[in-house]
Amino acid sequence: MKKTVFLSSLFLLTSMGVLHAQDLSADVINNANLAPVSAEQREKQPSKDQPDPVVIHLQVLLDRAGASPGVIDGLDGENVRKAIAGFELLQGLTVDGKLGADVVARLSDGQQVIGPYIIDADDGADIVAEIPKDYAEQAKMEHLGYTSVAEKLAERFHMDVDLLQALNPTAQFLPGETLSVAVIGAPRTGSVKRIEAHRKEGQLVAYDANGKALAIYPATIGSEDNPSPSGKHKVNGVARNPPYVYNPKINFQQGKNKTKLTLPSGPNNPVGTVWIDLSEPTYGIHGTPEPSLIDKAGSHGCVRLTNWDVEELSSMVKPGVIVEFDR
């Protein structure tokens, strides 16, 4: 059985001449080059808190190759490094998490990574004014939808909403406007027979019947206070756009809410747009209203993915698929 191994050492990136003036135009991002740099050069690069064109370029390529970096935000970090290692696993390369020449060659396809999208009138449908933090207030709503067109389109194109706005600084997000967005490609297809949940690495790996990796996703898998289950479990079924039943006697207490509540469906529902039910009672693989926090904040024991990643995974699983949690 193959198992992904991740190195703690950083891979290093440079955008070849745009290290200081971080121009986030489509042309600059599309033409950004991937190349290793020394530790000394790395220290001279811009703040890691600012989107880098080359990281955006890399994240889009990884995303459409089936090695999800989670949210495309242009920021170097663990999820990007894990995605590189995941891509190596998908390609049958030595898994070391480094951005070597072989990885770059296989990722590069000559296609643009940022392209145009014209906002449609329907993109403004089902927008809600806000999502209250209190579950009791959420339970009073009809739908836990997106709070803006920007948020809706950011998720559609697997992007952080801040990056989408940075790429389109003058956009009003109105019908007819042309935006620059990530060119993400078609969802992965296939039949998943087994899923490995790597708690320590914060990653989910989906395999076919022949043991070949089909897709890899960054994941939040439990927390110290609420650990995920151990061992092997099975997928019971898939619920799309599910309501969320909050029961403090079974799960956890949110705020001052001590009674059972049913929260409506929607992308900002606590379990996002999909619930993949597991044979272990109360546990599942699900989406999230906070894609930027995947593997950066703990869950209440379940496996949390971005909405788009769990939607893709759910289309490839059926009841009976084995989900194995490592220790």
Foldseek 3Di string as FASTA:
>chain_A
DDDQDEDPDDAAFDQPPCQDVQDLEQVSLQNGDGDGDDPVVRVVGDDLVDAHSPQLNQQLLLLQLQLHLFARENGDDLSSLSSLLVSCQLVVHPRYSYPDPVSRVVSDDPDRFKDKDFQAPCLAPPADCDQDQDPVVLLPDAEPEHNDSLLSVSLVQRHDSVRQCVNVVPDPRDGGDMGIGGPRDDFFAAAFQAWEQEQVSQKIWTAHPVRRTRHMFRKAAADPVAHADAFKKWFAAKDFQDWDWDACVPFNDDDPDHHIGTGGGYCQHQFGGMWGDIPPPPETEGEHNCRVCGVVDHDNHYIYGHHVVVVSVNNRYGTGRMYHYHD
